[in-house]
Amino acid sequence: MSFRCGHGAAAGEPGVVTLGRVCPLCMLLHETQRSRAELLGRVAPPQRAALAVETRIGASYDWRCARGHDRYPATVREVLTGPSCAKCRTNAVGPTAMREAGVAFMKPGLRVGTSMTEQRLRAMLGERIRLHHRVNAVRIARMFYGQQEVWPDILVPQLRIAVEYDDPGKSRRAHRGLKEASDTEKDEALREVGWEVIRIRAGGLEALGAHSIVCRSLTIGVVDEVVTLMRRIRGDAAVDALAIEYRLLT
C-alpha cells in the first residue's frame, strides 16, 4: 500500500494500492503529538533507515533509553504510549525518586507549544490569583512518555493544582482517542503525588474527570469557575492567600 504521507510502497508500481490518508504510524504520531524525527532519535542507529519508512504501529524495534540504560525491544505503539525501559520504571518508584515526587520545578529549554488561547488563559487567571512563573514541570512517581515529569499548561504550586486547556483544534481530533487516554494518565500521575488537575474542555470535548469545566470557548465566566473549583479543592483560606483584587471594567 502507498499512503498520502509518502510512506509504504512506491505509488504507481504494479499491484500497489494508493490510499488517500496517512499511514497508521503517522496517524499515531499526530494523535500523540509526537514526530517521526523524535522516534528516529530514540531507535537503535542500525534500524533508523527501516523506521524512516515504517507504516506499522505494531512493528518492533530496539530502542535507546534516554537515560543511558540498556537498549530494550518494544513496538512503535508501546514507545509512543508506554512508560520507557524496565530500569527507568523501577527507578521511578525508588526511594530517591519518591522523595522528589510532587515537586514543581523549572526545566530550562523546555519546548512545549503554547496556543494563543492558553496564553490568554494564563493572563486572565493571573488577574485573579498570583501565578508562579518560574516553574513549568512537576516530578511524578512513574514514567510518562519516557520522562519522570509532566508539563501542565499552568501550575499553581502553592495549591498543588494544575490547570489544563483542551480543545479539538482545527483537525477536530486533538484531545480525543489516544490523546484523551494520555491526558487521563497524566492527571492520574499528578494525583498520585498530591496534585489535582482542573481541565477546561472546550469546543465539544466531554468532561474528563471530576474537575472538568465543559464550555464552548474560553470566557471570563470559565476563568471564574476555575477559581471557584480551586476553592472547592483546597479551601477558601488557601486561595485567598493568593488572591488578587479583580475588578471587571464596564
Protein backbone atom coordinates (compact mmCIF):
# COMPACT_ATOMS: atom_id res chain seq x y z
CA MET A 1 0.00 0.00 0.00
CA SER A 2 1.00 3.58 -0.63
CA PHE A 3 -0.14 6.35 1.73
CA ARG A 4 -0.65 10.09 1.33
CA CYS A 5 2.24 10.77 3.75
CA GLY A 6 4.64 9.13 1.27
CA HIS A 7 5.35 6.05 3.36
CA GLY A 8 4.71 2.50 2.22
CA ALA A 9 5.19 1.06 -1.25
CA ALA A 10 6.06 3.31 -4.16
CA ALA A 11 2.92 4.81 -5.69
CA GLY A 12 2.21 3.76 -9.26
CA GLU A 13 4.00 0.41 -9.03
CA PRO A 14 2.07 -2.63 -10.27
CA GLY A 15 -0.17 -4.10 -7.60
CA VAL A 16 0.22 -1.09 -5.26
CA VAL A 17 -2.99 0.32 -3.79
CA THR A 18 -2.82 4.07 -3.07
CA LEU A 19 -4.81 5.32 -0.09
CA GLY A 20 -5.81 8.95 0.41
CA ARG A 21 -4.81 9.02 4.10
CA VAL A 22 -1.60 8.95 6.07
CA CYS A 23 -0.17 5.64 7.27
CA PRO A 24 -1.10 4.18 10.71
CA LEU A 25 2.26 5.23 12.21
CA CYS A 26 1.86 8.84 11.07
CA MET A 27 -1.72 8.83 12.39
CA LEU A 28 -0.48 7.73 15.83
CA LEU A 29 2.31 10.32 15.77
CA HIS A 30 -0.25 13.04 15.08
CA GLU A 31 -2.64 11.77 17.76
CA THR A 32 0.08 11.65 20.41
CA GLN A 33 1.60 14.96 19.24
CA ARG A 34 4.99 13.43 18.51
CA SER A 35 7.21 13.39 15.43
CA ARG A 36 8.98 10.75 13.37
CA ALA A 37 12.22 12.64 13.92
CA GLU A 38 11.77 12.10 17.66
CA LEU A 39 11.33 8.37 17.08
CA LEU A 40 14.39 8.22 14.83
CA GLY A 41 16.42 9.82 17.62
CA ARG A 42 15.42 7.05 20.02
CA VAL A 43 15.70 3.94 17.86
CA ALA A 44 18.94 1.92 17.62
CA PRO A 45 21.03 3.52 14.81
CA PRO A 46 21.15 0.40 12.56
CA GLN A 47 17.34 0.43 12.42
CA ARG A 48 16.80 4.10 11.56
CA ALA A 49 16.54 3.54 7.82
CA ALA A 50 13.78 0.97 8.32
CA LEU A 51 11.89 3.14 10.82
CA ALA A 52 12.10 6.15 8.50
CA VAL A 53 9.71 4.44 6.08
CA GLU A 54 7.78 2.28 8.56
CA THR A 55 3.99 2.34 8.40
CA ARG A 56 3.01 -0.20 11.10
CA ILE A 57 2.46 0.75 14.74
CA GLY A 58 2.92 -2.89 15.79
CA ALA A 59 6.40 -3.16 14.25
CA SER A 60 9.07 -3.98 16.86
CA TYR A 61 12.44 -2.19 17.08
CA ASP A 62 15.31 -1.85 19.54
CA TRP A 63 15.24 1.47 21.39
CA ARG A 64 17.84 3.51 23.26
CA CYS A 65 16.93 4.63 26.75
CA ALA A 66 17.27 8.40 27.14
CA ARG A 67 18.98 7.83 30.50
CA GLY A 68 21.66 5.55 29.09
CA HIS A 69 20.27 2.23 30.29
CA ASP A 70 20.35 -0.94 28.20
CA ARG A 71 18.57 -0.99 24.86
CA TYR A 72 15.14 -2.56 25.02
CA PRO A 73 12.75 -4.07 22.44
CA ALA A 74 9.29 -2.58 22.01
CA THR A 75 6.72 -1.84 19.34
CA VAL A 76 6.28 1.64 17.93
CA ARG A 77 2.93 1.88 19.70
CA GLU A 78 4.48 0.93 23.06
CA VAL A 79 7.21 3.54 22.67
CA LEU A 80 4.70 6.28 21.82
CA THR A 81 2.23 5.41 24.56
CA GLY A 82 4.28 3.41 27.08
CA PRO A 83 6.44 4.20 30.09
CA SER A 84 10.06 3.55 28.89
CA CYS A 85 12.61 0.87 29.71
CA ALA A 86 12.30 -1.55 32.65
CA LYS A 87 15.11 0.06 34.67
CA CYS A 88 13.53 3.52 34.32
CA ARG A 89 10.23 2.11 35.59
CA THR A 90 11.98 0.58 38.60
CA ASN A 91 13.91 3.76 39.40
CA ALA A 92 10.74 5.86 39.13
CA VAL A 93 9.31 4.20 42.24
CA GLY A 94 12.59 4.04 44.17
CA PRO A 95 13.21 5.90 47.47
CA THR A 96 15.14 8.81 45.92
CA ALA A 97 12.53 9.40 43.24
CA MET A 98 9.68 9.24 45.76
CA ARG A 99 11.29 11.99 47.85
CA GLU A 100 11.17 14.32 44.83
CA ALA A 101 7.69 13.27 43.69
CA GLY A 102 5.27 16.18 43.54
CA VAL A 103 7.96 18.88 43.43
CA ALA A 104 7.37 21.65 40.89
CA PHE A 105 10.49 22.99 39.17
CA MET A 106 11.75 24.97 36.21
CA LYS A 107 13.07 22.85 33.37
CA PRO A 108 15.34 25.05 31.24
CA GLY A 109 14.92 24.77 27.49
CA LEU A 110 11.56 23.04 27.69
CA ARG A 111 9.83 23.38 24.34
CA VAL A 112 6.10 22.94 24.60
CA GLY A 113 3.79 24.57 22.10
CA THR A 114 1.53 27.15 23.75
CA SER A 115 -1.56 28.33 21.92
CA MET A 116 -2.86 31.89 21.98
CA THR A 117 -5.85 30.66 23.99
CA GLU A 118 -3.57 29.11 26.62
CA GLN A 119 -1.63 32.38 26.85
CA ARG A 120 -4.92 34.24 27.27
CA LEU A 121 -5.99 31.81 29.99
CA ARG A 122 -2.76 32.44 31.88
CA ALA A 123 -3.22 36.21 31.62
CA MET A 124 -6.85 36.08 32.76
CA LEU A 125 -6.13 33.72 35.65
CA GLY A 126 -3.14 35.88 36.61
CA GLU A 127 -5.55 38.76 37.16
CA ARG A 128 -7.28 36.77 39.89
CA ILE A 129 -4.51 34.86 41.69
CA ARG A 130 -0.73 35.20 41.89
CA LEU A 131 0.83 32.73 39.50
CA HIS A 132 4.31 31.29 39.91
CA HIS A 133 6.15 31.99 36.64
CA ARG A 134 9.34 30.08 37.49
CA VAL A 135 8.00 26.53 37.33
CA ASN A 136 6.92 24.56 34.28
CA ALA A 137 7.17 20.89 35.33
CA VAL A 138 6.25 18.51 38.15
CA ARG A 139 8.12 15.37 39.24
CA ILE A 140 5.94 12.27 39.25
CA ALA A 141 6.31 8.76 40.68
CA ARG A 142 6.14 6.90 37.37
CA MET A 143 7.48 7.18 33.85
CA PHE A 144 5.32 9.14 31.43
CA TYR A 145 6.35 9.08 27.76
CA GLY A 146 9.91 8.30 28.79
CA GLN A 147 10.11 11.10 31.38
CA GLN A 148 9.65 11.17 35.14
CA GLU A 149 7.89 14.51 34.90
CA VAL A 150 4.87 16.18 33.31
CA TRP A 151 4.40 19.70 31.91
CA PRO A 152 0.89 21.07 32.52
CA ASP A 153 -0.25 24.31 30.90
CA ILE A 154 -0.41 26.25 34.19
CA LEU A 155 0.99 25.32 37.60
CA VAL A 156 -0.09 26.75 40.94
CA PRO A 157 2.46 25.05 43.24
CA GLN A 158 1.18 26.79 46.40
CA LEU A 159 -2.11 24.91 45.91
CA ARG A 160 -0.68 21.89 44.13
CA ILE A 161 -3.18 22.47 41.34
CA ALA A 162 -2.52 22.27 37.59
CA VAL A 163 -4.79 23.88 35.02
CA GLU A 164 -5.06 22.42 31.51
CA TYR A 165 -6.87 23.83 28.47
CA ASP A 166 -8.09 21.30 25.89
CA ASP A 167 -9.88 21.86 22.61
CA PRO A 168 -10.17 19.69 19.48
CA GLY A 169 -8.20 22.16 17.32
CA LYS A 170 -8.54 22.64 13.59
CA SER A 171 -8.39 18.90 12.99
CA ARG A 172 -11.29 18.34 15.44
CA ARG A 173 -9.32 15.31 16.67
CA ALA A 174 -6.99 16.79 19.27
CA HIS A 175 -7.52 15.57 22.84
CA ARG A 176 -9.57 12.64 21.61
CA GLY A 177 -8.78 8.93 21.35
CA LEU A 178 -5.24 8.08 22.45
CA LYS A 179 -4.53 11.70 23.42
CA GLU A 180 -7.53 11.66 25.74
CA ALA A 181 -6.20 8.46 27.32
CA SER A 182 -2.81 10.15 27.67
CA ASP A 183 -4.45 13.17 29.36
CA THR A 184 -6.19 10.84 31.81
CA GLU A 185 -2.92 9.06 32.64
CA LYS A 186 -1.21 12.42 33.14
CA ASP A 187 -3.93 13.51 35.59
CA GLU A 188 -3.62 10.22 37.48
CA ALA A 189 0.15 10.62 37.73
CA LEU A 190 -0.30 14.10 39.22
CA ARG A 191 -2.91 12.92 41.73
CA GLU A 192 -0.54 10.17 42.86
CA VAL A 193 1.89 12.87 44.05
CA GLY A 194 -0.67 15.12 45.72
CA TRP A 195 -1.72 17.39 42.84
CA GLU A 196 -5.19 17.98 41.41
CA VAL A 197 -5.94 18.92 37.80
CA ILE A 198 -8.61 21.33 36.57
CA ARG A 199 -9.31 20.73 32.90
CA ILE A 200 -11.12 23.22 30.69
CA ARG A 201 -12.74 21.11 27.98
CA ALA A 202 -13.79 23.38 25.13
CA GLY A 203 -15.15 23.04 21.62
CA GLY A 204 -17.32 19.98 22.13
CA LEU A 205 -14.98 17.87 24.27
CA GLU A 206 -16.65 15.91 27.05
CA ALA A 207 -15.70 16.09 30.73
CA LEU A 208 -12.53 14.25 31.71
CA GLY A 209 -12.50 13.66 35.44
CA ALA A 210 -14.21 15.25 38.43
CA HIS A 211 -12.69 18.70 37.96
CA SER A 212 -13.61 19.34 34.32
CA ILE A 213 -15.19 22.56 33.06
CA VAL A 214 -17.07 21.90 29.83
CA CYS A 215 -17.59 25.00 27.69
CA ARG A 216 -17.80 26.25 24.12
CA SER A 217 -14.78 28.55 24.45
CA LEU A 218 -12.64 30.39 26.99
CA THR A 219 -14.58 33.23 28.66
CA ILE A 220 -14.36 35.33 31.82
CA GLY A 221 -17.02 33.11 33.36
CA VAL A 222 -14.92 30.00 32.69
CA VAL A 223 -11.89 31.53 34.44
CA ASP A 224 -14.11 32.48 37.39
CA GLU A 225 -15.24 28.84 37.51
CA VAL A 226 -11.59 27.74 37.64
CA VAL A 227 -11.06 29.85 40.75
CA THR A 228 -14.28 28.50 42.28
CA LEU A 229 -13.03 24.95 41.72
CA MET A 230 -9.71 25.85 43.34
CA ARG A 231 -11.62 27.00 46.42
CA ARG A 232 -13.63 23.77 46.44
CA ILE A 233 -10.47 21.66 46.16
CA ARG A 234 -8.12 23.48 48.58
CA GLY A 235 -10.41 25.74 50.61
CA ASP A 236 -11.07 29.49 50.73
CA ALA A 237 -8.16 30.32 53.01
CA ALA A 238 -5.54 28.78 50.70
CA VAL A 239 -6.91 30.57 47.62
CA ASP A 240 -7.43 33.88 49.50
CA ALA A 241 -3.71 33.86 50.31
CA LEU A 242 -3.01 34.08 46.56
CA ALA A 243 -5.97 36.24 45.55
CA ILE A 244 -5.57 39.50 43.66
CA GLU A 245 -8.34 42.09 43.84
CA TYR A 246 -10.03 41.84 40.48
CA ARG A 247 -12.37 44.43 39.03
CA LEU A 248 -14.30 43.88 35.82
CA LEU A 249 -14.25 47.14 33.87
CA THR A 250 -17.58 48.01 32.29
